[in-house]
Each structure stands twice: as C-alpha cells, then as structure tokens.
C-alpha cells in the first residue's frame, strides 16, 4: 500500500507491510525542501552540547584511525565505483522525540526504487538538525532501509525510558 499523495507532515497512518500488521508505530513525513543538502555542496553542521541520554556508558569504547590509502574516491582522483557513480544529495531529518520501534516513511523527491540510500540515525542535539547529533547512552538501532519511488522507508528502534530526539541522515546516490 502506498502513502496518499496529500499526506500531512507528522500525520501517523496505519500502513500494511507485506500483508502483515506491524507490531510498532508508523509515521509518514515530507522532507523539508530547503533543508536538503546537495551532495558535495553541503556545509558541515555545528556540533552542540549533549542532552537527554548524554551519560557515561557502561560498555567498552575503542577508537581507530582509517587507512586512507584504502579509501575509494567518489570524485576527483581515480574513477568512481560503479555503485556510487551518478548524482545525489544528503539530507538530515528531525523525526522528533521518540522511543521504541517505528517504521518511518519519508516522502522525498529525487528518490527511486533504484536509488542507493545510506542512512545514519542518532540522538539529536536540541535546536534543530543543524545543531548536530551526539553519542549518548541510549541505543539507536537501524534495521531496514527501503528506497521507493518518491521516498525512503526505515525501521528503527530507540532503547530509552523516555522520548528523546531522533535525527536521521540520508545519503541518496542515483545511478
């Protein structure tokens, strides 16, 4: 079942998936056109101060340095990889305060079923998407990413005892 064309921003809708009812909530939203950042032309967001779950964490942490010699350039020196050649854009969306499991359906022009979509989720700093994201103590899990004509659907889970901000970064590459 596809979303109605007149879906309002933030309006929750029951949508069937593979003929099964989902055991979690679903939300449809439209991308904010002036917040879309075109690939390779975006300005970096300014990092902000932690909020909500910004506590010390009870698990091990490790840092490593990337091996720059093995990185594949998308533009410039060397040929782009076929899977990442084409055009595209990036976009950060504020899905608001959430917890638990959600299917989130973002309506966005420029996306097709053939689009390569890469998604990153995390806790957002108060003040809007340009304020940035941070590593807090809440667990954010991304299970599935499904591009479709006119949008991207994701299935996420936020493990925290209260609603906290969810920012989602979308990188769309159209072959």
N, C-alpha and C. Protein backbone atom coordinates (compact mmCIF):
# COMPACT_ATOMS: atom_id res chain seq x y z
N UNK A 1 0.85 -1.17 0.00
CA UNK A 1 0.00 0.00 0.00
C UNK A 1 0.89 1.22 0.00
N UNK A 2 0.62 2.20 -0.84
CA UNK A 2 1.44 3.41 -0.88
C UNK A 2 0.75 4.52 -0.11
N UNK A 3 1.54 5.54 0.24
CA UNK A 3 1.01 6.65 1.02
C UNK A 3 0.13 7.53 0.16
N UNK A 4 -0.92 8.11 0.72
CA UNK A 4 -1.73 9.06 -0.03
C UNK A 4 -0.89 10.26 -0.42
N UNK A 5 -1.18 10.86 -1.58
CA UNK A 5 -0.39 11.99 -2.07
C UNK A 5 -0.51 13.21 -1.16
N UNK A 6 -1.61 13.34 -0.42
CA UNK A 6 -1.81 14.52 0.41
C UNK A 6 -1.42 14.29 1.87
N UNK A 7 -0.48 13.39 2.12
CA UNK A 7 -0.05 13.10 3.49
C UNK A 7 0.48 14.37 4.15
N UNK A 8 -0.01 14.70 5.32
CA UNK A 8 0.43 15.86 6.06
C UNK A 8 1.68 15.52 6.87
N UNK A 9 2.53 16.49 7.08
CA UNK A 9 3.74 16.29 7.87
C UNK A 9 3.36 15.85 9.27
N UNK A 10 3.94 14.73 9.71
CA UNK A 10 3.75 14.26 11.05
C UNK A 10 2.48 13.46 11.29
N UNK A 11 1.68 13.26 10.26
CA UNK A 11 0.43 12.53 10.44
C UNK A 11 0.70 11.04 10.50
N UNK A 12 0.32 10.39 11.60
CA UNK A 12 0.51 8.95 11.74
C UNK A 12 -0.54 8.23 10.92
N UNK A 13 -0.13 7.14 10.25
CA UNK A 13 -1.04 6.36 9.45
C UNK A 13 -0.75 4.89 9.63
N UNK A 14 -1.79 4.08 9.59
CA UNK A 14 -1.61 2.63 9.63
C UNK A 14 -1.37 2.18 8.20
N UNK A 15 -0.23 1.56 7.96
CA UNK A 15 0.13 1.12 6.62
C UNK A 15 0.52 -0.34 6.67
N UNK A 16 -0.08 -1.15 5.83
CA UNK A 16 0.25 -2.57 5.81
C UNK A 16 1.59 -2.79 5.14
N UNK A 17 2.33 -3.77 5.62
CA UNK A 17 3.62 -4.11 5.05
C UNK A 17 3.64 -5.60 4.80
N UNK A 18 3.78 -6.03 3.55
CA UNK A 18 3.80 -7.44 3.17
C UNK A 18 2.55 -8.17 3.64
N UNK A 19 1.44 -7.47 3.77
CA UNK A 19 0.20 -8.09 4.19
C UNK A 19 0.12 -8.41 5.67
N UNK A 20 1.12 -8.02 6.45
CA UNK A 20 1.13 -8.29 7.89
C UNK A 20 0.96 -6.99 8.65
N UNK A 21 0.32 -7.05 9.78
CA UNK A 21 0.22 -5.84 10.60
C UNK A 21 1.51 -5.71 11.41
N UNK A 22 2.02 -4.50 11.48
CA UNK A 22 3.27 -4.24 12.17
C UNK A 22 3.03 -4.11 13.68
N UNK A 23 3.96 -4.63 14.51
CA UNK A 23 3.80 -4.53 15.96
C UNK A 23 4.36 -3.23 16.51
N UNK A 24 4.46 -2.21 15.67
CA UNK A 24 5.03 -0.95 16.10
C UNK A 24 4.37 0.18 15.32
N UNK A 25 4.63 1.42 15.71
CA UNK A 25 4.01 2.58 15.08
C UNK A 25 4.70 2.94 13.78
N UNK A 26 3.94 3.57 12.87
CA UNK A 26 4.49 4.04 11.61
C UNK A 26 4.15 5.51 11.45
N UNK A 27 5.05 6.26 10.81
CA UNK A 27 4.84 7.69 10.59
C UNK A 27 5.31 8.03 9.18
N UNK A 28 4.55 8.90 8.51
CA UNK A 28 4.92 9.42 7.20
C UNK A 28 5.22 10.91 7.37
N UNK A 29 6.32 11.40 6.76
CA UNK A 29 6.59 12.83 6.77
C UNK A 29 7.21 13.22 5.44
N UNK A 30 7.06 14.49 5.07
CA UNK A 30 7.67 15.02 3.87
C UNK A 30 9.00 15.67 4.22
N UNK A 31 9.99 15.53 3.35
CA UNK A 31 11.27 16.19 3.55
C UNK A 31 11.08 17.70 3.42
N UNK A 32 11.82 18.46 4.20
CA UNK A 32 11.76 19.91 4.11
C UNK A 32 12.69 20.33 2.98
N UNK A 33 12.15 20.86 1.86
CA UNK A 33 12.96 21.14 0.68
C UNK A 33 14.17 22.03 0.93
N UNK A 34 14.05 23.08 1.75
CA UNK A 34 15.19 23.98 1.95
C UNK A 34 16.22 23.39 2.91
N UNK A 35 15.96 22.21 3.49
CA UNK A 35 16.94 21.57 4.37
C UNK A 35 17.74 20.50 3.65
N UNK A 36 17.37 20.18 2.42
CA UNK A 36 18.10 19.17 1.65
C UNK A 36 19.46 19.76 1.28
N UNK A 37 20.53 18.98 1.51
CA UNK A 37 21.88 19.43 1.17
C UNK A 37 22.36 18.60 -0.01
N UNK A 38 22.69 19.24 -1.10
CA UNK A 38 23.13 18.52 -2.30
C UNK A 38 24.51 17.96 -2.08
N UNK A 39 24.70 16.75 -2.54
CA UNK A 39 25.94 16.01 -2.37
C UNK A 39 27.13 16.84 -2.83
N UNK A 40 28.16 16.90 -2.01
CA UNK A 40 29.42 17.58 -2.23
C UNK A 40 29.30 19.10 -2.18
N UNK A 41 28.12 19.64 -1.83
CA UNK A 41 27.98 21.08 -1.74
C UNK A 41 27.48 21.53 -0.38
N UNK A 42 27.38 20.62 0.58
CA UNK A 42 26.81 20.95 1.89
C UNK A 42 27.85 21.56 2.82
N UNK A 43 27.39 22.42 3.69
CA UNK A 43 28.23 22.98 4.74
C UNK A 43 28.11 22.07 5.96
N UNK A 44 29.20 21.81 6.67
CA UNK A 44 29.10 20.93 7.85
C UNK A 44 28.26 21.57 8.95
N UNK A 45 27.52 20.72 9.67
CA UNK A 45 26.72 21.19 10.79
C UNK A 45 27.62 21.49 11.98
N UNK A 46 27.21 22.43 12.81
CA UNK A 46 27.96 22.77 14.01
C UNK A 46 27.57 21.83 15.14
N UNK A 47 28.55 21.27 15.82
CA UNK A 47 28.27 20.35 16.93
C UNK A 47 27.73 21.12 18.12
N UNK A 48 26.82 20.50 18.85
CA UNK A 48 26.22 21.14 20.02
C UNK A 48 26.54 20.38 21.28
N UNK A 49 25.89 20.76 22.35
CA UNK A 49 26.10 20.12 23.64
C UNK A 49 25.13 18.95 23.81
N UNK A 50 25.57 17.89 24.49
CA UNK A 50 24.69 16.73 24.72
C UNK A 50 23.47 17.08 25.56
N UNK A 51 22.36 16.38 25.28
CA UNK A 51 21.15 16.50 26.08
C UNK A 51 20.65 15.10 26.37
N UNK A 52 19.61 14.96 27.12
CA UNK A 52 18.91 13.70 27.36
C UNK A 52 19.78 12.58 27.88
N UNK A 53 20.19 11.67 26.98
CA UNK A 53 20.88 10.47 27.42
C UNK A 53 22.39 10.64 27.42
N UNK A 54 22.91 11.85 27.48
CA UNK A 54 24.34 12.09 27.47
C UNK A 54 24.99 11.71 28.78
N UNK A 55 24.97 10.44 29.11
CA UNK A 55 25.54 9.93 30.35
C UNK A 55 26.76 9.08 30.04
N UNK A 56 27.57 8.78 31.05
CA UNK A 56 28.66 7.85 30.82
C UNK A 56 28.04 6.49 30.52
N UNK A 57 28.69 5.74 29.63
CA UNK A 57 28.10 4.48 29.17
C UNK A 57 28.79 3.28 29.79
N UNK A 58 28.04 2.20 30.05
CA UNK A 58 28.59 1.03 30.73
C UNK A 58 29.19 -0.01 29.78
N UNK A 59 29.69 0.41 28.63
CA UNK A 59 30.28 -0.54 27.69
C UNK A 59 31.64 -0.04 27.23
N UNK A 60 32.42 -0.94 26.66
CA UNK A 60 33.77 -0.60 26.20
C UNK A 60 33.70 0.30 24.97
N UNK A 61 34.68 1.17 24.85
CA UNK A 61 34.78 2.04 23.70
C UNK A 61 36.16 1.88 23.08
N UNK A 62 36.24 2.08 21.77
CA UNK A 62 37.52 1.97 21.08
C UNK A 62 37.53 2.97 19.94
N UNK A 63 38.69 3.54 19.68
CA UNK A 63 38.88 4.44 18.53
C UNK A 63 39.95 3.85 17.64
N UNK A 64 39.77 3.98 16.33
CA UNK A 64 40.76 3.54 15.35
C UNK A 64 40.89 4.60 14.29
N UNK A 65 42.02 4.60 13.59
CA UNK A 65 42.25 5.53 12.51
C UNK A 65 42.02 4.82 11.18
N UNK A 66 41.28 5.47 10.30
CA UNK A 66 41.00 4.90 8.98
C UNK A 66 42.28 4.80 8.17
N UNK A 67 42.38 3.76 7.36
CA UNK A 67 43.50 3.61 6.44
C UNK A 67 43.18 4.38 5.17
N UNK A 68 43.69 5.61 5.09
CA UNK A 68 43.36 6.50 3.98
C UNK A 68 43.73 5.91 2.63
N UNK A 69 44.78 5.08 2.59
CA UNK A 69 45.23 4.52 1.30
C UNK A 69 44.21 3.55 0.71
N UNK A 70 43.29 3.02 1.53
CA UNK A 70 42.30 2.08 1.02
C UNK A 70 40.95 2.74 0.72
N UNK A 71 40.81 4.03 1.02
CA UNK A 71 39.56 4.73 0.75
C UNK A 71 39.40 4.94 -0.75
N UNK A 72 38.19 4.81 -1.25
CA UNK A 72 37.90 4.98 -2.67
C UNK A 72 37.29 6.36 -2.87
N UNK A 73 37.90 7.15 -3.75
CA UNK A 73 37.41 8.50 -4.02
C UNK A 73 36.12 8.44 -4.84
N UNK A 74 35.15 9.30 -4.49
CA UNK A 74 33.93 9.39 -5.28
C UNK A 74 34.10 10.32 -6.46
N UNK A 75 34.88 11.37 -6.27
CA UNK A 75 35.14 12.33 -7.33
C UNK A 75 36.63 12.66 -7.33
N UNK A 76 37.10 13.20 -8.42
CA UNK A 76 38.50 13.62 -8.49
C UNK A 76 39.41 12.47 -8.86
N UNK A 77 40.49 12.30 -8.09
CA UNK A 77 41.50 11.29 -8.39
C UNK A 77 40.89 9.90 -8.44
N UNK A 78 41.16 9.18 -9.49
CA UNK A 78 40.64 7.82 -9.62
C UNK A 78 39.22 7.81 -10.14
N UNK A 79 38.80 6.67 -10.58
CA UNK A 79 37.44 6.52 -11.10
C UNK A 79 36.47 6.20 -9.97
N UNK A 80 35.27 6.76 -10.04
CA UNK A 80 34.29 6.39 -9.04
C UNK A 80 33.86 4.94 -9.20
N UNK A 81 33.48 4.32 -8.10
CA UNK A 81 32.97 2.96 -8.14
C UNK A 81 31.62 2.97 -8.84
N UNK A 82 31.30 1.98 -9.66
CA UNK A 82 30.01 1.97 -10.36
C UNK A 82 28.81 2.10 -9.44
N UNK A 83 28.84 1.50 -8.25
CA UNK A 83 27.71 1.57 -7.35
C UNK A 83 27.47 2.98 -6.81
N UNK A 84 28.50 3.81 -6.81
CA UNK A 84 28.35 5.16 -6.26
C UNK A 84 28.48 6.25 -7.31
N UNK A 85 28.51 5.89 -8.57
CA UNK A 85 28.58 6.92 -9.59
C UNK A 85 27.17 7.43 -9.85
N UNK A 86 27.08 8.64 -10.31
CA UNK A 86 25.78 9.24 -10.58
C UNK A 86 25.66 10.56 -9.85
N UNK A 87 24.45 10.93 -9.52
CA UNK A 87 24.24 12.17 -8.77
C UNK A 87 23.44 11.86 -7.53
N UNK A 88 23.39 12.79 -6.62
CA UNK A 88 22.65 12.54 -5.40
C UNK A 88 22.67 13.73 -4.47
N UNK A 89 22.25 13.48 -3.25
CA UNK A 89 22.17 14.54 -2.26
C UNK A 89 22.13 13.92 -0.88
N UNK A 90 22.34 14.76 0.15
CA UNK A 90 22.21 14.32 1.53
C UNK A 90 21.16 15.19 2.22
N UNK A 91 20.59 14.65 3.27
CA UNK A 91 19.52 15.34 3.98
C UNK A 91 19.48 14.84 5.41
N UNK A 92 19.35 15.74 6.38
CA UNK A 92 19.16 15.35 7.79
C UNK A 92 17.74 15.74 8.19
N UNK A 93 17.01 14.76 8.75
CA UNK A 93 15.61 14.99 9.13
C UNK A 93 15.44 14.84 10.63
N UNK A 94 14.70 15.76 11.23
CA UNK A 94 14.35 15.68 12.65
C UNK A 94 13.01 14.96 12.77
N UNK A 95 13.05 13.72 13.24
CA UNK A 95 11.82 12.94 13.42
C UNK A 95 11.18 13.22 14.77
N UNK A 96 11.73 14.13 15.55
CA UNK A 96 11.13 14.50 16.83
C UNK A 96 11.50 13.53 17.94
N UNK A 97 10.85 13.71 19.09
CA UNK A 97 11.12 12.88 20.27
C UNK A 97 10.41 11.54 20.13
N UNK A 98 11.18 10.45 20.24
CA UNK A 98 10.64 9.10 20.06
C UNK A 98 11.35 8.12 20.97
N UNK A 99 10.73 6.95 21.12
CA UNK A 99 11.35 5.79 21.75
C UNK A 99 10.60 4.57 21.24
N UNK A 100 11.22 3.40 21.35
CA UNK A 100 10.58 2.18 20.87
C UNK A 100 10.79 1.98 19.38
N UNK A 101 10.02 1.06 18.80
CA UNK A 101 10.16 0.70 17.39
C UNK A 101 9.21 1.51 16.52
N UNK A 102 9.74 1.91 15.37
CA UNK A 102 8.98 2.72 14.42
C UNK A 102 9.36 2.32 13.00
N UNK A 103 8.38 2.38 12.10
CA UNK A 103 8.66 2.43 10.67
C UNK A 103 8.42 3.88 10.30
N UNK A 104 9.44 4.53 9.76
CA UNK A 104 9.37 5.95 9.42
C UNK A 104 9.47 6.09 7.91
N UNK A 105 8.48 6.69 7.31
CA UNK A 105 8.38 6.80 5.85
C UNK A 105 8.53 8.27 5.46
N UNK A 106 9.67 8.59 4.87
CA UNK A 106 9.96 9.97 4.47
C UNK A 106 9.68 10.13 2.99
N UNK A 107 8.76 11.03 2.64
CA UNK A 107 8.48 11.34 1.24
C UNK A 107 9.50 12.36 0.77
N UNK A 108 10.20 12.04 -0.33
CA UNK A 108 11.29 12.89 -0.78
C UNK A 108 11.46 12.74 -2.29
N UNK A 109 11.36 13.85 -3.00
CA UNK A 109 11.59 13.83 -4.44
C UNK A 109 13.03 13.45 -4.75
N UNK A 110 13.26 12.90 -5.93
CA UNK A 110 14.62 12.55 -6.33
C UNK A 110 15.03 11.15 -5.92
N UNK A 111 14.15 10.40 -5.25
CA UNK A 111 14.45 9.03 -4.84
C UNK A 111 13.63 8.08 -5.69
N UNK A 112 14.27 7.01 -6.16
CA UNK A 112 13.58 5.97 -6.92
C UNK A 112 13.87 4.63 -6.26
N UNK A 113 13.22 3.59 -6.74
CA UNK A 113 13.48 2.25 -6.22
C UNK A 113 14.91 1.81 -6.51
N UNK A 114 15.55 2.40 -7.53
CA UNK A 114 16.93 2.07 -7.89
C UNK A 114 17.96 2.89 -7.12
N UNK A 115 17.54 3.90 -6.38
CA UNK A 115 18.46 4.75 -5.63
C UNK A 115 19.25 3.92 -4.61
N UNK A 116 20.50 4.29 -4.40
CA UNK A 116 21.31 3.72 -3.34
C UNK A 116 21.15 4.66 -2.15
N UNK A 117 20.59 4.18 -1.06
CA UNK A 117 20.29 5.03 0.09
C UNK A 117 21.06 4.51 1.30
N UNK A 118 21.83 5.40 1.90
CA UNK A 118 22.60 5.10 3.11
C UNK A 118 22.03 5.95 4.22
N UNK A 119 21.78 5.33 5.38
CA UNK A 119 21.11 6.02 6.47
C UNK A 119 21.92 5.90 7.75
N UNK A 120 21.96 6.99 8.49
CA UNK A 120 22.59 7.02 9.80
C UNK A 120 21.60 7.63 10.77
N UNK A 121 21.40 6.98 11.93
CA UNK A 121 20.47 7.52 12.92
C UNK A 121 21.23 7.82 14.21
N UNK A 122 20.71 8.77 14.98
CA UNK A 122 21.36 9.09 16.24
C UNK A 122 20.56 10.10 17.04
N UNK A 123 21.00 10.31 18.26
CA UNK A 123 20.34 11.27 19.14
C UNK A 123 20.70 12.68 18.73
N UNK A 124 19.68 13.51 18.59
CA UNK A 124 19.88 14.88 18.15
C UNK A 124 20.07 15.85 19.28
N UNK A 125 20.88 16.87 19.03
CA UNK A 125 21.05 17.97 19.97
C UNK A 125 19.86 18.91 19.81
N UNK A 126 19.30 19.39 20.91
CA UNK A 126 18.19 20.34 20.85
C UNK A 126 18.61 21.55 20.04
N UNK A 127 17.69 22.10 19.26
CA UNK A 127 18.00 23.27 18.46
C UNK A 127 17.87 23.01 16.98
N UNK A 128 17.45 21.84 16.59
CA UNK A 128 17.24 21.53 15.17
C UNK A 128 18.37 20.72 14.58
N UNK A 129 18.13 20.16 13.38
CA UNK A 129 19.10 19.27 12.75
C UNK A 129 20.50 19.85 12.55
N UNK A 130 20.61 21.16 12.31
CA UNK A 130 21.94 21.75 12.13
C UNK A 130 22.73 21.84 13.43
N UNK A 131 22.08 21.61 14.57
CA UNK A 131 22.78 21.61 15.86
C UNK A 131 23.62 20.34 16.02
N UNK A 132 23.31 19.29 15.24
CA UNK A 132 24.13 18.09 15.24
C UNK A 132 23.55 16.93 16.02
N UNK A 133 24.34 15.86 16.08
CA UNK A 133 24.00 14.65 16.81
C UNK A 133 25.13 14.38 17.79
N UNK A 134 24.90 13.49 18.77
CA UNK A 134 25.96 13.14 19.72
C UNK A 134 25.79 11.70 20.17
N UNK A 135 26.82 11.15 20.79
CA UNK A 135 26.79 9.80 21.33
C UNK A 135 26.32 9.86 22.77
N UNK A 136 25.09 9.44 23.02
CA UNK A 136 24.56 9.38 24.37
C UNK A 136 24.53 7.93 24.83
N UNK A 137 23.81 7.67 25.90
CA UNK A 137 23.73 6.31 26.44
C UNK A 137 22.57 5.51 25.85
N UNK A 138 21.65 6.17 25.13
CA UNK A 138 20.53 5.45 24.53
C UNK A 138 21.02 4.65 23.32
N UNK A 139 20.41 3.47 23.12
CA UNK A 139 20.75 2.64 21.95
C UNK A 139 19.79 2.93 20.82
N UNK A 140 20.35 3.35 19.71
CA UNK A 140 19.60 3.60 18.48
C UNK A 140 19.97 2.49 17.51
N UNK A 141 18.97 1.75 17.02
CA UNK A 141 19.21 0.66 16.08
C UNK A 141 18.45 0.91 14.79
N UNK A 142 19.12 0.65 13.67
CA UNK A 142 18.52 0.76 12.35
C UNK A 142 18.47 -0.65 11.77
N UNK A 143 17.27 -1.13 11.44
CA UNK A 143 17.12 -2.50 10.96
C UNK A 143 17.04 -2.59 9.44
N UNK A 144 16.21 -1.78 8.81
CA UNK A 144 15.99 -1.87 7.37
C UNK A 144 15.92 -0.48 6.76
N UNK A 145 16.38 -0.41 5.49
CA UNK A 145 16.29 0.80 4.69
C UNK A 145 15.73 0.39 3.35
N UNK A 146 14.63 1.01 2.90
CA UNK A 146 14.00 0.63 1.65
C UNK A 146 13.64 1.86 0.82
N UNK A 147 14.45 2.15 -0.22
CA UNK A 147 14.07 3.25 -1.11
C UNK A 147 12.86 2.83 -1.95
N UNK A 148 12.05 3.80 -2.30
CA UNK A 148 10.88 3.57 -3.15
C UNK A 148 10.71 4.81 -4.02
N UNK A 149 9.86 4.73 -5.01
CA UNK A 149 9.60 5.90 -5.85
C UNK A 149 9.04 7.01 -4.97
N UNK A 150 9.78 8.10 -4.84
CA UNK A 150 9.32 9.25 -4.08
C UNK A 150 9.59 9.22 -2.59
N UNK A 151 10.48 8.31 -2.11
CA UNK A 151 10.77 8.33 -0.69
C UNK A 151 11.61 7.18 -0.20
N UNK A 152 11.85 7.19 1.11
CA UNK A 152 12.67 6.18 1.79
C UNK A 152 11.94 5.75 3.06
N UNK A 153 11.86 4.43 3.27
CA UNK A 153 11.25 3.87 4.48
C UNK A 153 12.35 3.23 5.31
N UNK A 154 12.33 3.48 6.63
CA UNK A 154 13.30 2.87 7.53
C UNK A 154 12.57 2.27 8.72
N UNK A 155 13.18 1.25 9.31
CA UNK A 155 12.65 0.62 10.53
C UNK A 155 13.71 0.81 11.60
N UNK A 156 13.35 1.45 12.71
CA UNK A 156 14.31 1.80 13.76
C UNK A 156 13.80 1.36 15.13
N UNK A 157 14.70 1.34 16.10
CA UNK A 157 14.34 1.12 17.50
C UNK A 157 15.21 2.03 18.36
N UNK A 158 14.60 2.68 19.34
CA UNK A 158 15.32 3.51 20.30
C UNK A 158 15.07 2.92 21.68
N UNK A 159 16.14 2.46 22.32
CA UNK A 159 16.03 1.88 23.65
C UNK A 159 16.35 2.95 24.69
N UNK A 160 15.29 3.53 25.25
CA UNK A 160 15.43 4.55 26.29
C UNK A 160 14.11 4.66 27.01
N UNK A 161 14.12 5.09 28.26
CA UNK A 161 12.91 5.10 29.08
C UNK A 161 11.99 6.29 28.83
N UNK A 162 12.44 7.27 28.06
CA UNK A 162 11.63 8.44 27.74
C UNK A 162 11.87 8.81 26.28
N UNK A 163 10.97 9.62 25.73
CA UNK A 163 11.14 10.07 24.36
C UNK A 163 12.36 10.98 24.26
N UNK A 164 13.22 10.73 23.26
CA UNK A 164 14.39 11.56 23.00
C UNK A 164 14.49 11.83 21.51
N UNK A 165 15.22 12.89 21.15
CA UNK A 165 15.29 13.34 19.76
C UNK A 165 15.94 12.31 18.84
N UNK A 166 15.34 12.12 17.67
CA UNK A 166 15.88 11.26 16.63
C UNK A 166 16.17 12.09 15.40
N UNK A 167 17.45 12.16 15.02
CA UNK A 167 17.84 12.78 13.75
C UNK A 167 18.31 11.66 12.83
N UNK A 168 17.88 11.73 11.58
CA UNK A 168 18.24 10.71 10.60
C UNK A 168 18.93 11.39 9.42
N UNK A 169 20.13 10.92 9.09
CA UNK A 169 20.87 11.40 7.92
C UNK A 169 20.62 10.43 6.77
N UNK A 170 20.27 10.99 5.61
CA UNK A 170 20.02 10.21 4.40
C UNK A 170 21.06 10.64 3.36
N UNK A 171 21.74 9.67 2.76
CA UNK A 171 22.63 9.92 1.63
C UNK A 171 22.03 9.16 0.45
N UNK A 172 21.60 9.89 -0.57
CA UNK A 172 20.96 9.28 -1.73
C UNK A 172 21.90 9.41 -2.92
N UNK A 173 22.20 8.29 -3.56
CA UNK A 173 23.00 8.27 -4.78
C UNK A 173 22.15 7.63 -5.87
N UNK A 174 21.94 8.35 -6.96
CA UNK A 174 21.14 7.84 -8.08
C UNK A 174 22.08 7.43 -9.22
N UNK A 175 22.11 6.14 -9.55
CA UNK A 175 22.99 5.66 -10.63
C UNK A 175 22.57 6.18 -11.99
